[in-house]
């Protein structure tokens, strides 16, 4: 399966989790308290990280792809970072960057 990925910076993680859970119609699949949350829907892999100085800004986009294997990142002609990763590689990256997540699936 291939899901489009978008990552945003948010001011308040808890408030943002509540808001995006309503908008996406489900709870996040992974949460690192005070730092990070990620949702997987049929079409979308959506993540947020609490980064107050960049709140509301795009962090990066890309694809979660079962065939991607390891994590990779490139920058497009507009200086936007694009990531490609498998679900397993993303879970490893979350743990490396933010710490152990609860609710991972």
N, C-alpha and C. Protein backbone atom coordinates (compact mmCIF):
# COMPACT_ATOMS: atom_id res chain seq x y z
N UNK A 1 0.84 -1.18 0.00
CA UNK A 1 0.00 0.00 0.00
C UNK A 1 0.88 1.24 0.00
N UNK A 2 0.40 2.29 -0.63
CA UNK A 2 1.11 3.55 -0.68
C UNK A 2 0.19 4.64 -0.14
N UNK A 3 0.69 5.38 0.86
CA UNK A 3 -0.08 6.47 1.45
C UNK A 3 0.68 7.77 1.29
N UNK A 4 -0.03 8.85 0.95
CA UNK A 4 0.59 10.17 0.92
C UNK A 4 0.91 10.58 2.35
N UNK A 5 2.06 11.20 2.55
CA UNK A 5 2.50 11.63 3.88
C UNK A 5 2.64 13.14 3.92
N UNK A 6 2.12 13.74 4.97
CA UNK A 6 2.30 15.16 5.21
C UNK A 6 2.62 15.35 6.69
N UNK A 7 3.59 16.20 6.97
CA UNK A 7 4.01 16.46 8.35
C UNK A 7 3.96 17.96 8.62
N UNK A 8 3.30 18.33 9.72
CA UNK A 8 3.15 19.72 10.11
C UNK A 8 3.76 19.98 11.47
N UNK A 9 4.18 21.21 11.69
CA UNK A 9 4.59 21.67 13.01
C UNK A 9 3.38 22.29 13.68
N UNK A 10 3.20 22.03 14.97
CA UNK A 10 2.04 22.57 15.71
C UNK A 10 2.49 23.25 16.99
N UNK A 11 1.65 24.15 17.48
CA UNK A 11 1.94 24.89 18.70
C UNK A 11 1.71 24.06 19.95
N UNK A 12 0.57 23.36 19.99
CA UNK A 12 0.18 22.60 21.18
C UNK A 12 -0.23 21.20 20.73
N UNK A 13 0.56 20.21 21.09
CA UNK A 13 0.32 18.86 20.61
C UNK A 13 -1.04 18.32 21.06
N UNK A 14 -1.38 18.45 22.33
CA UNK A 14 -2.63 17.88 22.85
C UNK A 14 -3.85 18.49 22.17
N UNK A 15 -3.87 19.81 22.02
CA UNK A 15 -4.99 20.49 21.36
C UNK A 15 -5.06 20.06 19.90
N UNK A 16 -3.90 19.94 19.27
CA UNK A 16 -3.85 19.55 17.86
C UNK A 16 -4.30 18.10 17.67
N UNK A 17 -3.93 17.21 18.59
CA UNK A 17 -4.39 15.82 18.51
C UNK A 17 -5.92 15.77 18.55
N UNK A 18 -6.52 16.52 19.46
CA UNK A 18 -7.98 16.56 19.55
C UNK A 18 -8.59 17.06 18.24
N UNK A 19 -8.07 18.15 17.70
CA UNK A 19 -8.60 18.74 16.47
C UNK A 19 -8.45 17.80 15.28
N UNK A 20 -7.24 17.28 15.06
CA UNK A 20 -7.01 16.44 13.90
C UNK A 20 -7.68 15.07 14.03
N UNK A 21 -7.89 14.59 15.23
CA UNK A 21 -8.62 13.33 15.40
C UNK A 21 -10.06 13.49 14.92
N UNK A 22 -10.66 14.65 15.19
CA UNK A 22 -12.02 14.92 14.69
C UNK A 22 -11.98 15.04 13.17
N UNK A 23 -11.04 15.81 12.65
CA UNK A 23 -10.96 16.04 11.20
C UNK A 23 -10.70 14.74 10.42
N UNK A 24 -9.88 13.86 10.99
CA UNK A 24 -9.54 12.61 10.30
C UNK A 24 -10.49 11.46 10.65
N UNK A 25 -11.31 11.65 11.67
CA UNK A 25 -12.29 10.63 12.05
C UNK A 25 -11.69 9.44 12.79
N UNK A 26 -10.51 9.63 13.38
CA UNK A 26 -9.88 8.54 14.14
C UNK A 26 -8.81 9.11 15.06
N UNK A 27 -8.45 8.30 16.05
CA UNK A 27 -7.38 8.66 16.98
C UNK A 27 -6.03 8.40 16.30
N UNK A 28 -4.96 9.03 16.76
CA UNK A 28 -3.65 8.75 16.18
C UNK A 28 -3.19 7.32 16.44
N UNK A 29 -2.40 6.80 15.54
CA UNK A 29 -1.84 5.46 15.68
C UNK A 29 -0.63 5.44 16.58
N UNK A 30 0.06 6.57 16.69
CA UNK A 30 1.26 6.66 17.52
C UNK A 30 1.33 8.05 18.14
N UNK A 31 1.66 8.09 19.43
CA UNK A 31 1.82 9.36 20.14
C UNK A 31 3.06 9.28 21.02
N UNK A 32 3.87 10.32 20.97
CA UNK A 32 4.95 10.52 21.92
C UNK A 32 4.54 11.77 22.68
N UNK A 33 4.14 11.61 23.92
CA UNK A 33 3.54 12.69 24.72
C UNK A 33 4.37 13.97 24.65
N UNK A 34 3.68 15.07 24.33
CA UNK A 34 4.30 16.37 24.28
C UNK A 34 5.20 16.63 23.10
N UNK A 35 5.34 15.64 22.19
CA UNK A 35 6.30 15.80 21.11
C UNK A 35 5.76 15.50 19.71
N UNK A 36 4.97 14.40 19.57
CA UNK A 36 4.69 13.88 18.22
C UNK A 36 3.42 13.05 18.21
N UNK A 37 2.70 13.08 17.08
CA UNK A 37 1.57 12.18 16.85
C UNK A 37 1.48 11.87 15.36
N UNK A 38 0.99 10.66 15.05
CA UNK A 38 0.89 10.22 13.67
C UNK A 38 -0.40 9.41 13.48
N UNK A 39 -1.10 9.68 12.37
CA UNK A 39 -2.31 8.96 11.99
C UNK A 39 -2.05 8.24 10.68
N UNK A 40 -2.61 7.03 10.56
CA UNK A 40 -2.63 6.31 9.29
C UNK A 40 -4.08 6.06 8.92
N UNK A 41 -4.50 6.61 7.80
CA UNK A 41 -5.82 6.29 7.25
C UNK A 41 -5.58 5.47 5.99
N UNK A 42 -6.64 5.12 5.29
CA UNK A 42 -6.47 4.33 4.08
C UNK A 42 -5.61 5.05 3.03
N UNK A 43 -5.70 6.38 2.99
CA UNK A 43 -4.99 7.14 1.96
C UNK A 43 -3.87 8.03 2.48
N UNK A 44 -3.86 8.30 3.78
CA UNK A 44 -2.99 9.34 4.31
C UNK A 44 -2.18 8.88 5.51
N UNK A 45 -0.95 9.29 5.55
CA UNK A 45 -0.08 9.17 6.71
C UNK A 45 0.19 10.62 7.12
N UNK A 46 -0.38 11.04 8.25
CA UNK A 46 -0.35 12.44 8.68
C UNK A 46 0.35 12.53 10.03
N UNK A 47 1.36 13.38 10.13
CA UNK A 47 2.04 13.52 11.42
C UNK A 47 2.17 14.97 11.81
N UNK A 48 2.24 15.17 13.13
CA UNK A 48 2.45 16.49 13.69
C UNK A 48 3.53 16.41 14.76
N UNK A 49 4.28 17.48 14.89
CA UNK A 49 5.24 17.55 15.99
C UNK A 49 5.12 18.93 16.62
N UNK A 50 5.25 18.93 17.94
CA UNK A 50 5.16 20.20 18.66
C UNK A 50 6.47 20.96 18.45
N UNK A 51 6.37 22.00 17.66
CA UNK A 51 7.50 22.87 17.33
C UNK A 51 6.94 24.29 17.32
N UNK A 52 6.84 24.90 18.48
CA UNK A 52 6.13 26.18 18.62
C UNK A 52 6.64 27.26 17.69
N UNK A 53 7.96 27.33 17.47
CA UNK A 53 8.51 28.39 16.63
C UNK A 53 8.17 28.21 15.15
N UNK A 54 7.70 27.02 14.76
CA UNK A 54 7.32 26.75 13.37
C UNK A 54 5.84 26.38 13.25
N UNK A 55 5.04 26.64 14.29
CA UNK A 55 3.63 26.23 14.31
C UNK A 55 2.91 26.66 13.04
N UNK A 56 2.18 25.69 12.47
CA UNK A 56 1.40 25.94 11.27
C UNK A 56 2.17 25.77 9.97
N UNK A 57 3.43 25.44 10.06
CA UNK A 57 4.25 25.29 8.87
C UNK A 57 4.38 23.83 8.44
N UNK A 58 4.52 23.65 7.15
CA UNK A 58 4.80 22.34 6.59
C UNK A 58 6.22 21.93 6.99
N UNK A 59 6.37 20.72 7.51
CA UNK A 59 7.71 20.18 7.81
C UNK A 59 8.25 19.43 6.60
N UNK A 60 7.46 18.55 6.02
CA UNK A 60 7.84 17.79 4.84
C UNK A 60 6.64 17.02 4.32
N UNK A 61 6.79 16.44 3.14
CA UNK A 61 5.77 15.58 2.54
C UNK A 61 6.46 14.34 1.99
N UNK A 62 5.68 13.41 1.47
CA UNK A 62 6.27 12.22 0.88
C UNK A 62 5.29 11.07 0.80
N UNK A 63 5.83 9.84 0.90
CA UNK A 63 5.01 8.64 0.79
C UNK A 63 5.45 7.58 1.78
N UNK A 64 4.47 6.98 2.46
CA UNK A 64 4.69 5.71 3.14
C UNK A 64 4.37 4.65 2.10
N UNK A 65 5.32 3.78 1.85
CA UNK A 65 5.19 2.81 0.77
C UNK A 65 5.73 1.47 1.26
N UNK A 66 4.89 0.45 1.25
CA UNK A 66 5.31 -0.88 1.69
C UNK A 66 6.57 -1.35 0.97
N UNK A 67 6.77 -0.91 -0.26
CA UNK A 67 7.92 -1.34 -1.05
C UNK A 67 9.14 -0.44 -0.87
N UNK A 68 9.04 0.60 -0.05
CA UNK A 68 10.12 1.58 0.09
C UNK A 68 11.31 1.04 0.86
N UNK A 69 11.06 0.14 1.80
CA UNK A 69 12.18 -0.34 2.62
C UNK A 69 12.61 0.72 3.61
N UNK A 70 13.89 1.05 3.56
CA UNK A 70 14.44 2.01 4.51
C UNK A 70 13.96 3.43 4.23
N UNK A 71 14.26 4.30 5.16
CA UNK A 71 13.90 5.71 5.10
C UNK A 71 14.84 6.44 4.13
N UNK A 72 14.26 7.31 3.26
CA UNK A 72 15.08 8.16 2.41
C UNK A 72 14.43 9.53 2.31
N UNK A 73 15.22 10.52 1.94
CA UNK A 73 14.75 11.89 1.87
C UNK A 73 15.44 12.61 0.73
N UNK A 74 14.66 13.38 -0.04
CA UNK A 74 15.21 14.22 -1.10
C UNK A 74 14.53 15.59 -1.01
N UNK A 75 15.09 16.54 -1.69
CA UNK A 75 14.52 17.90 -1.73
C UNK A 75 14.15 18.21 -3.17
N UNK A 76 12.93 18.74 -3.38
CA UNK A 76 12.50 19.06 -4.73
C UNK A 76 13.00 20.45 -5.17
N UNK A 77 12.62 20.85 -6.38
CA UNK A 77 13.10 22.12 -6.94
C UNK A 77 12.63 23.34 -6.17
N UNK A 78 11.63 23.17 -5.29
CA UNK A 78 11.11 24.27 -4.47
C UNK A 78 11.62 24.20 -3.04
N UNK A 79 12.62 23.39 -2.80
CA UNK A 79 13.23 23.21 -1.47
C UNK A 79 12.30 22.55 -0.47
N UNK A 80 11.34 21.78 -0.95
CA UNK A 80 10.44 21.02 -0.08
C UNK A 80 11.03 19.63 0.10
N UNK A 81 11.13 19.20 1.34
CA UNK A 81 11.67 17.87 1.63
C UNK A 81 10.60 16.81 1.37
N UNK A 82 10.97 15.77 0.64
CA UNK A 82 10.12 14.61 0.36
C UNK A 82 10.76 13.40 1.00
N UNK A 83 9.97 12.67 1.79
CA UNK A 83 10.44 11.45 2.42
C UNK A 83 9.77 10.24 1.79
N UNK A 84 10.45 9.11 1.83
CA UNK A 84 9.91 7.84 1.39
C UNK A 84 10.34 6.81 2.43
N UNK A 85 9.37 5.97 2.87
CA UNK A 85 9.67 5.03 3.94
C UNK A 85 8.60 3.96 4.02
N UNK A 86 8.97 2.82 4.59
CA UNK A 86 7.99 1.78 4.94
C UNK A 86 7.43 2.11 6.32
N UNK A 87 6.35 1.47 6.71
CA UNK A 87 5.78 1.68 8.05
C UNK A 87 6.81 1.33 9.12
N UNK A 88 7.53 0.24 8.93
CA UNK A 88 8.55 -0.17 9.90
C UNK A 88 9.64 0.89 10.02
N UNK A 89 10.12 1.40 8.88
CA UNK A 89 11.17 2.42 8.90
C UNK A 89 10.68 3.70 9.58
N UNK A 90 9.41 4.04 9.38
CA UNK A 90 8.87 5.23 10.05
C UNK A 90 8.82 5.03 11.56
N UNK A 91 8.37 3.87 11.99
CA UNK A 91 8.29 3.61 13.43
C UNK A 91 9.68 3.67 14.08
N UNK A 92 10.69 3.16 13.38
CA UNK A 92 12.06 3.24 13.89
C UNK A 92 12.53 4.69 13.96
N UNK A 93 12.19 5.48 12.95
CA UNK A 93 12.58 6.89 12.92
C UNK A 93 11.88 7.68 14.02
N UNK A 94 10.60 7.40 14.27
CA UNK A 94 9.87 8.06 15.35
C UNK A 94 10.59 7.81 16.67
N UNK A 95 10.92 6.56 16.95
CA UNK A 95 11.60 6.22 18.20
C UNK A 95 12.95 6.92 18.31
N UNK A 96 13.67 6.98 17.21
CA UNK A 96 14.99 7.62 17.19
C UNK A 96 14.89 9.12 17.44
N UNK A 97 13.91 9.78 16.82
CA UNK A 97 13.80 11.24 16.91
C UNK A 97 13.04 11.73 18.13
N UNK A 98 11.98 11.00 18.54
CA UNK A 98 11.06 11.51 19.56
C UNK A 98 10.99 10.64 20.82
N UNK A 99 11.36 9.39 20.72
CA UNK A 99 11.22 8.47 21.85
C UNK A 99 10.14 7.44 21.55
N UNK A 100 9.92 6.57 22.52
CA UNK A 100 8.95 5.47 22.35
C UNK A 100 7.54 6.02 22.22
N UNK A 101 6.85 5.54 21.20
CA UNK A 101 5.46 5.95 20.96
C UNK A 101 4.49 4.97 21.59
N UNK A 102 3.35 5.47 22.03
CA UNK A 102 2.27 4.61 22.49
C UNK A 102 1.27 4.46 21.34
N UNK A 103 0.61 3.32 21.29
CA UNK A 103 -0.43 3.11 20.30
C UNK A 103 0.07 2.80 18.91
N UNK A 104 1.35 2.50 18.73
CA UNK A 104 1.86 2.19 17.39
C UNK A 104 1.16 0.97 16.81
N UNK A 105 0.92 1.07 15.53
CA UNK A 105 0.34 -0.07 14.81
C UNK A 105 0.86 -0.13 13.41
